[in-house]
PDB file of all heavy atoms in Angstrom:
ATOM      1  N   PHE A   1       4.534  14.386  -2.000  1.00  0.00           N
ATOM      2  CA  PHE A   1       4.619  13.234  -2.863  1.00  0.00           C
ATOM      3  C   PHE A   1       3.882  12.000  -2.523  1.00  0.00           C
ATOM      4  O   PHE A   1       3.866  10.984  -3.138  1.00  0.00           O
ATOM      5  CB  PHE A   1       6.195  12.898  -3.202  1.00  0.00           C
ATOM      6  CG  PHE A   1       6.973  14.023  -3.684  1.00  0.00           C
ATOM      7  CD1 PHE A   1       7.738  14.742  -2.880  1.00  0.00           C
ATOM      8  CD2 PHE A   1       6.796  14.395  -5.103  1.00  0.00           C
ATOM      9  CE1 PHE A   1       8.537  15.764  -3.476  1.00  0.00           C
ATOM     10  CE2 PHE A   1       7.583  15.427  -5.636  1.00  0.00           C
ATOM     11  CZ  PHE A   1       8.455  16.144  -4.838  1.00  0.00           C
ATOM     12  N   VAL A   2       3.308  12.098  -1.299  1.00  0.00           N
ATOM     13  CA  VAL A   2       2.587  10.951  -0.665  1.00  0.00           C
ATOM     14  C   VAL A   2       1.083  11.297  -0.715  1.00  0.00           C
ATOM     15  O   VAL A   2       0.757  12.401  -0.216  1.00  0.00           O
ATOM     16  CB  VAL A   2       3.065  10.714   0.704  1.00  0.00           C
ATOM     17  CG1 VAL A   2       2.347   9.527   1.246  1.00  0.00           C
ATOM     18  CG2 VAL A   2       4.602  10.343   0.612  1.00  0.00           C
ATOM     19  N   SER A   3       0.248  10.368  -1.104  1.00  0.00           N
ATOM     20  CA  SER A   3      -1.211  10.583  -1.074  1.00  0.00           C
ATOM     21  C   SER A   3      -1.714  10.497   0.309  1.00  0.00           C
ATOM     22  O   SER A   3      -1.068   9.868   1.179  1.00  0.00           O
ATOM     23  CB  SER A   3      -1.873   9.570  -1.985  1.00  0.00           C
ATOM     24  OG  SER A   3      -1.461   9.742  -3.359  1.00  0.00           O
ATOM     25  N   ARG A   4      -2.930  11.082   0.568  1.00  0.00           N
ATOM     26  CA  ARG A   4      -3.494  11.034   1.904  1.00  0.00           C
ATOM     27  C   ARG A   4      -3.596   9.524   2.430  1.00  0.00           C
ATOM     28  O   ARG A   4      -3.221   9.340   3.601  1.00  0.00           O
ATOM     29  CB  ARG A   4      -4.916  11.673   1.898  1.00  0.00           C
ATOM     30  CG  ARG A   4      -4.895  13.148   1.811  1.00  0.00           C
ATOM     31  CD  ARG A   4      -6.286  13.673   1.791  1.00  0.00           C
ATOM     32  NE  ARG A   4      -7.090  13.291   2.954  1.00  0.00           N
ATOM     33  CZ  ARG A   4      -7.101  13.776   4.104  1.00  0.00           C
ATOM     34  NH1 ARG A   4      -6.330  14.825   4.410  1.00  0.00           N
ATOM     35  NH2 ARG A   4      -7.810  13.342   5.146  1.00  0.00           N
ATOM     36  N   HIS A   5      -4.136   8.683   1.638  1.00  0.00           N
ATOM     37  CA  HIS A   5      -4.102   7.186   1.937  1.00  0.00           C
ATOM     38  C   HIS A   5      -3.388   6.639   0.773  1.00  0.00           C
ATOM     39  O   HIS A   5      -3.998   6.338  -0.302  1.00  0.00           O
ATOM     40  CB  HIS A   5      -5.571   6.759   2.046  1.00  0.00           C
ATOM     41  CG  HIS A   5      -6.286   7.419   3.182  1.00  0.00           C
ATOM     42  ND1 HIS A   5      -5.891   7.377   4.523  1.00  0.00           N
ATOM     43  CD2 HIS A   5      -7.352   8.234   3.175  1.00  0.00           C
ATOM     44  CE1 HIS A   5      -6.689   8.144   5.301  1.00  0.00           C
ATOM     45  NE2 HIS A   5      -7.613   8.627   4.472  1.00  0.00           N
ATOM     46  N   HIS A   6      -2.096   6.302   0.921  1.00  0.00           N
ATOM     47  CA  HIS A   6      -1.280   5.896  -0.151  1.00  0.00           C
ATOM     48  C   HIS A   6      -1.250   4.438  -0.399  1.00  0.00           C
ATOM     49  O   HIS A   6      -1.420   3.973  -1.558  1.00  0.00           O
ATOM     50  CB  HIS A   6       0.164   6.430   0.086  1.00  0.00           C
ATOM     51  CG  HIS A   6       1.042   6.463  -1.144  1.00  0.00           C
ATOM     52  ND1 HIS A   6       1.341   7.599  -1.719  1.00  0.00           N
ATOM     53  CD2 HIS A   6       1.607   5.488  -1.824  1.00  0.00           C
ATOM     54  CE1 HIS A   6       2.126   7.434  -2.771  1.00  0.00           C
ATOM     55  NE2 HIS A   6       2.223   6.025  -2.854  1.00  0.00           N
ATOM     56  N   ALA A   7      -1.082   3.643   0.709  1.00  0.00           N
ATOM     57  CA  ALA A   7      -0.871   2.206   0.565  1.00  0.00           C
ATOM     58  C   ALA A   7      -1.356   1.483   1.755  1.00  0.00           C
ATOM     59  O   ALA A   7      -1.497   2.107   2.839  1.00  0.00           O
ATOM     60  CB  ALA A   7       0.617   1.780   0.254  1.00  0.00           C
ATOM     61  N   LEU A   8      -1.700   0.195   1.620  1.00  0.00           N
ATOM     62  CA  LEU A   8      -2.147  -0.662   2.698  1.00  0.00           C
ATOM     63  C   LEU A   8      -1.283  -1.914   2.740  1.00  0.00           C
ATOM     64  O   LEU A   8      -1.038  -2.578   1.766  1.00  0.00           O
ATOM     65  CB  LEU A   8      -3.631  -1.017   2.514  1.00  0.00           C
ATOM     66  CG  LEU A   8      -4.333  -1.866   3.583  1.00  0.00           C
ATOM     67  CD1 LEU A   8      -4.397  -1.084   4.930  1.00  0.00           C
ATOM     68  CD2 LEU A   8      -5.639  -2.345   3.071  1.00  0.00           C
ATOM     69  N   LEU A   9      -0.855  -2.263   4.011  1.00  0.00           N
ATOM     70  CA  LEU A   9      -0.161  -3.505   4.251  1.00  0.00           C
ATOM     71  C   LEU A   9      -1.142  -4.362   5.028  1.00  0.00           C
ATOM     72  O   LEU A   9      -1.648  -4.007   6.052  1.00  0.00           O
ATOM     73  CB  LEU A   9       1.151  -3.340   4.981  1.00  0.00           C
ATOM     74  CG  LEU A   9       2.140  -2.565   4.226  1.00  0.00           C
ATOM     75  CD1 LEU A   9       2.447  -1.158   4.818  1.00  0.00           C
ATOM     76  CD2 LEU A   9       3.469  -3.254   4.207  1.00  0.00           C
ATOM     77  N   VAL A  10      -1.291  -5.623   4.542  1.00  0.00           N
ATOM     78  CA  VAL A  10      -2.125  -6.576   5.210  1.00  0.00           C
ATOM     79  C   VAL A  10      -1.423  -7.923   5.538  1.00  0.00           C
ATOM     80  O   VAL A  10      -0.651  -8.498   4.743  1.00  0.00           O
ATOM     81  CB  VAL A  10      -3.398  -6.985   4.395  1.00  0.00           C
ATOM     82  CG1 VAL A  10      -4.305  -7.987   5.034  1.00  0.00           C
ATOM     83  CG2 VAL A  10      -4.124  -5.688   3.934  1.00  0.00           C
ATOM     84  N   ARG A  11      -1.508  -8.390   6.831  1.00  0.00           N
ATOM     85  CA  ARG A  11      -0.844  -9.593   7.282  1.00  0.00           C
ATOM     86  C   ARG A  11      -1.933 -10.696   7.383  1.00  0.00           C
ATOM     87  O   ARG A  11      -3.041 -10.510   7.842  1.00  0.00           O
ATOM     88  CB  ARG A  11      -0.282  -9.399   8.686  1.00  0.00           C
ATOM     89  CG  ARG A  11       1.042  -8.597   8.689  1.00  0.00           C
ATOM     90  CD  ARG A  11       1.643  -8.646  10.008  1.00  0.00           C
ATOM     91  NE  ARG A  11       2.215 -10.028  10.328  1.00  0.00           N
ATOM     92  CZ  ARG A  11       2.418 -10.512  11.535  1.00  0.00           C
ATOM     93  NH1 ARG A  11       2.035  -9.798  12.592  1.00  0.00           N
ATOM     94  NH2 ARG A  11       2.815 -11.737  11.645  1.00  0.00           N
ATOM     95  N   ASN A  12      -1.411 -11.887   6.938  1.00  0.00           N
ATOM     96  CA  ASN A  12      -2.192 -13.096   7.132  1.00  0.00           C
ATOM     97  C   ASN A  12      -1.243 -14.233   7.446  1.00  0.00           C
ATOM     98  O   ASN A  12      -0.584 -14.834   6.572  1.00  0.00           O
ATOM     99  CB  ASN A  12      -3.076 -13.432   5.954  1.00  0.00           C
ATOM    100  CG  ASN A  12      -3.915 -14.703   6.118  1.00  0.00           C
ATOM    101  OD1 ASN A  12      -4.431 -14.883   7.181  1.00  0.00           O
ATOM    102  ND2 ASN A  12      -4.009 -15.498   5.154  1.00  0.00           N
ATOM    103  N   GLY A  13      -1.109 -14.598   8.785  1.00  0.00           N
ATOM    104  CA  GLY A  13      -0.053 -15.519   9.060  1.00  0.00           C
ATOM    105  C   GLY A  13       1.362 -14.932   8.878  1.00  0.00           C
ATOM    106  O   GLY A  13       1.714 -13.893   9.300  1.00  0.00           O
ATOM    107  N   ASN A  14       2.108 -15.741   8.112  1.00  0.00           N
ATOM    108  CA  ASN A  14       3.479 -15.197   7.677  1.00  0.00           C
ATOM    109  C   ASN A  14       3.515 -14.575   6.344  1.00  0.00           C
ATOM    110  O   ASN A  14       4.487 -14.316   5.770  1.00  0.00           O
ATOM    111  CB  ASN A  14       4.439 -16.447   7.634  1.00  0.00           C
ATOM    112  CG  ASN A  14       4.683 -16.986   9.079  1.00  0.00           C
ATOM    113  OD1 ASN A  14       4.642 -16.239   9.998  1.00  0.00           O
ATOM    114  ND2 ASN A  14       5.082 -18.258   9.128  1.00  0.00           N
ATOM    115  N   THR A  15       2.236 -14.199   5.874  1.00  0.00           N
ATOM    116  CA  THR A  15       2.162 -13.539   4.510  1.00  0.00           C
ATOM    117  C   THR A  15       1.810 -12.067   4.783  1.00  0.00           C
ATOM    118  O   THR A  15       0.936 -11.806   5.508  1.00  0.00           O
ATOM    119  CB  THR A  15       1.097 -14.271   3.716  1.00  0.00           C
ATOM    120  OG1 THR A  15       1.374 -15.684   3.518  1.00  0.00           O
ATOM    121  CG2 THR A  15       1.003 -13.600   2.330  1.00  0.00           C
ATOM    122  N   THR A  16       2.462 -11.241   4.013  1.00  0.00           N
ATOM    123  CA  THR A  16       2.198  -9.770   4.069  1.00  0.00           C
ATOM    124  C   THR A  16       2.035  -9.295   2.665  1.00  0.00           C
ATOM    125  O   THR A  16       2.929  -9.396   1.740  1.00  0.00           O
ATOM    126  CB  THR A  16       3.353  -8.987   4.771  1.00  0.00           C
ATOM    127  OG1 THR A  16       3.574  -9.491   6.062  1.00  0.00           O
ATOM    128  CG2 THR A  16       3.000  -7.520   4.795  1.00  0.00           C
ATOM    129  N   PHE A  17       0.943  -8.719   2.343  1.00  0.00           N
ATOM    130  CA  PHE A  17       0.607  -8.169   1.033  1.00  0.00           C
ATOM    131  C   PHE A  17       0.654  -6.612   1.119  1.00  0.00           C
ATOM    132  O   PHE A  17       0.205  -6.028   2.161  1.00  0.00           O
ATOM    133  CB  PHE A  17      -0.856  -8.533   0.587  1.00  0.00           C
ATOM    134  CG  PHE A  17      -0.877  -9.877  -0.024  1.00  0.00           C
ATOM    135  CD1 PHE A  17      -1.370 -10.932   0.723  1.00  0.00           C
ATOM    136  CD2 PHE A  17      -0.504 -10.132  -1.383  1.00  0.00           C
ATOM    137  CE1 PHE A  17      -1.499 -12.183   0.149  1.00  0.00           C
ATOM    138  CE2 PHE A  17      -0.624 -11.397  -1.914  1.00  0.00           C
ATOM    139  CZ  PHE A  17      -1.054 -12.419  -1.113  1.00  0.00           C
ATOM    140  N   LEU A  18       1.158  -6.001   0.138  1.00  0.00           N
ATOM    141  CA  LEU A  18       1.225  -4.572  -0.039  1.00  0.00           C
ATOM    142  C   LEU A  18       0.213  -4.148  -1.181  1.00  0.00           C
ATOM    143  O   LEU A  18       0.300  -4.789  -2.262  1.00  0.00           O
ATOM    144  CB  LEU A  18       2.621  -4.080  -0.346  1.00  0.00           C
ATOM    145  CG  LEU A  18       2.754  -2.566  -0.812  1.00  0.00           C
ATOM    146  CD1 LEU A  18       2.477  -1.656   0.340  1.00  0.00           C
ATOM    147  CD2 LEU A  18       4.171  -2.342  -1.409  1.00  0.00           C
ATOM    148  N   MET A  19      -0.682  -3.177  -0.916  1.00  0.00           N
ATOM    149  CA  MET A  19      -1.577  -2.834  -1.919  1.00  0.00           C
ATOM    150  C   MET A  19      -1.520  -1.249  -2.065  1.00  0.00           C
ATOM    151  O   MET A  19      -1.686  -0.481  -1.104  1.00  0.00           O
ATOM    152  CB  MET A  19      -3.021  -3.151  -1.521  1.00  0.00           C
ATOM    153  CG  MET A  19      -3.315  -4.664  -1.700  1.00  0.00           C
ATOM    154  SD  MET A  19      -4.834  -5.144  -0.885  1.00  0.00           S
ATOM    155  CE  MET A  19      -4.209  -5.410   0.801  1.00  0.00           C
ATOM    156  N   ASP A  20      -1.293  -0.863  -3.274  1.00  0.00           N
ATOM    157  CA  ASP A  20      -1.364   0.571  -3.610  1.00  0.00           C
ATOM    158  C   ASP A  20      -2.800   1.061  -3.725  1.00  0.00           C
ATOM    159  O   ASP A  20      -3.695   0.395  -4.205  1.00  0.00           O
ATOM    160  CB  ASP A  20      -0.703   0.897  -4.930  1.00  0.00           C
ATOM    161  CG  ASP A  20      -0.712   2.358  -5.246  1.00  0.00           C
ATOM    162  OD1 ASP A  20       0.171   3.129  -4.794  1.00  0.00           O
ATOM    163  OD2 ASP A  20      -1.572   2.808  -6.048  1.00  0.00           O
ATOM    164  N   LEU A  21      -3.177   2.092  -3.088  1.00  0.00           N
ATOM    165  CA  LEU A  21      -4.551   2.647  -2.897  1.00  0.00           C
ATOM    166  C   LEU A  21      -4.798   3.684  -4.048  1.00  0.00           C
ATOM    167  O   LEU A  21      -5.367   4.834  -3.699  1.00  0.00           O
ATOM    168  CB  LEU A  21      -4.820   3.134  -1.561  1.00  0.00           C
ATOM    169  CG  LEU A  21      -4.694   2.019  -0.464  1.00  0.00           C
ATOM    170  CD1 LEU A  21      -4.989   2.710   0.971  1.00  0.00           C
ATOM    171  CD2 LEU A  21      -5.557   0.896  -0.649  1.00  0.00           C
ATOM    172  N   ASN A  22      -4.473   3.458  -5.300  1.00  0.00           N
ATOM    173  CA  ASN A  22      -4.736   4.413  -6.313  1.00  0.00           C
ATOM    174  C   ASN A  22      -4.005   5.708  -5.971  1.00  0.00           C
ATOM    175  O   ASN A  22      -4.504   6.771  -6.245  1.00  0.00           O
ATOM    176  CB  ASN A  22      -6.145   4.557  -6.591  1.00  0.00           C
ATOM    177  CG  ASN A  22      -6.712   3.740  -7.660  1.00  0.00           C
ATOM    178  OD1 ASN A  22      -6.010   2.845  -8.088  1.00  0.00           O
ATOM    179  ND2 ASN A  22      -7.951   3.910  -7.981  1.00  0.00           N
ATOM    180  N   SER A  23      -2.782   5.608  -5.521  1.00  0.00           N
ATOM    181  CA  SER A  23      -2.012   6.832  -5.148  1.00  0.00           C
ATOM    182  C   SER A  23      -1.682   7.645  -6.287  1.00  0.00           C
ATOM    183  O   SER A  23      -1.580   7.087  -7.462  1.00  0.00           O
ATOM    184  CB  SER A  23      -0.752   6.392  -4.402  1.00  0.00           C
ATOM    185  OG  SER A  23       0.088   5.596  -5.252  1.00  0.00           O
ATOM    186  N   SER A  24      -1.297   8.946  -6.171  1.00  0.00           N
ATOM    187  CA  SER A  24      -1.041   9.794  -7.335  1.00  0.00           C
ATOM    188  C   SER A  24       0.325   9.503  -7.915  1.00  0.00           C
ATOM    189  O   SER A  24       0.491   9.408  -9.126  1.00  0.00           O
ATOM    190  CB  SER A  24      -1.025  11.235  -6.868  1.00  0.00           C
ATOM    191  OG  SER A  24      -2.342  11.630  -6.461  1.00  0.00           O
ATOM    192  N   ASN A  25       1.309   9.183  -7.172  1.00  0.00           N
ATOM    193  CA  ASN A  25       2.665   8.941  -7.560  1.00  0.00           C
ATOM    194  C   ASN A  25       3.137   7.450  -7.559  1.00  0.00           C
ATOM    195  O   ASN A  25       4.283   7.300  -7.823  1.00  0.00           O
ATOM    196  CB  ASN A  25       3.624   9.868  -6.789  1.00  0.00           C
ATOM    197  CG  ASN A  25       3.422  11.389  -7.045  1.00  0.00           C
ATOM    198  OD1 ASN A  25       3.187  11.753  -8.149  1.00  0.00           O
ATOM    199  ND2 ASN A  25       3.410  12.152  -5.954  1.00  0.00           N
ATOM    200  N   GLY A  26       2.220   6.639  -7.101  1.00  0.00           N
ATOM    201  CA  GLY A  26       2.593   5.231  -7.200  1.00  0.00           C
ATOM    202  C   GLY A  26       3.331   4.651  -6.054  1.00  0.00           C
ATOM    203  O   GLY A  26       3.905   5.474  -5.178  1.00  0.00           O
ATOM    204  N   THR A  27       3.395   3.364  -5.892  1.00  0.00           N
ATOM    205  CA  THR A  27       4.178   2.649  -4.863  1.00  0.00           C
ATOM    206  C   THR A  27       5.098   1.701  -5.565  1.00  0.00           C
ATOM    207  O   THR A  27       4.774   1.042  -6.508  1.00  0.00           O
ATOM    208  CB  THR A  27       3.142   1.858  -4.025  1.00  0.00           C
ATOM    209  OG1 THR A  27       2.257   2.764  -3.373  1.00  0.00           O
ATOM    210  CG2 THR A  27       3.931   1.165  -2.904  1.00  0.00           C
ATOM    211  N   PHE A  28       6.332   1.706  -5.041  1.00  0.00           N
ATOM    212  CA  PHE A  28       7.449   0.864  -5.691  1.00  0.00           C
ATOM    213  C   PHE A  28       8.017  -0.102  -4.688  1.00  0.00           C
ATOM    214  O   PHE A  28       8.169   0.260  -3.501  1.00  0.00           O
ATOM    215  CB  PHE A  28       8.457   1.816  -6.255  1.00  0.00           C
ATOM    216  CG  PHE A  28       7.949   2.740  -7.361  1.00  0.00           C
ATOM    217  CD1 PHE A  28       7.322   3.925  -7.041  1.00  0.00           C
ATOM    218  CD2 PHE A  28       8.061   2.415  -8.638  1.00  0.00           C
ATOM    219  CE1 PHE A  28       6.791   4.771  -7.908  1.00  0.00           C
ATOM    220  CE2 PHE A  28       7.615   3.262  -9.595  1.00  0.00           C
ATOM    221  CZ  PHE A  28       7.023   4.502  -9.261  1.00  0.00           C
TER     222      PHE A  28
END
């Protein structure tokens, strides 16, 4: 149910972004 490269988490200071990488089943 998980894509090969599913999501990316990026930190900048105290900020953390979550990005879905066009996964097949989505990120929630």
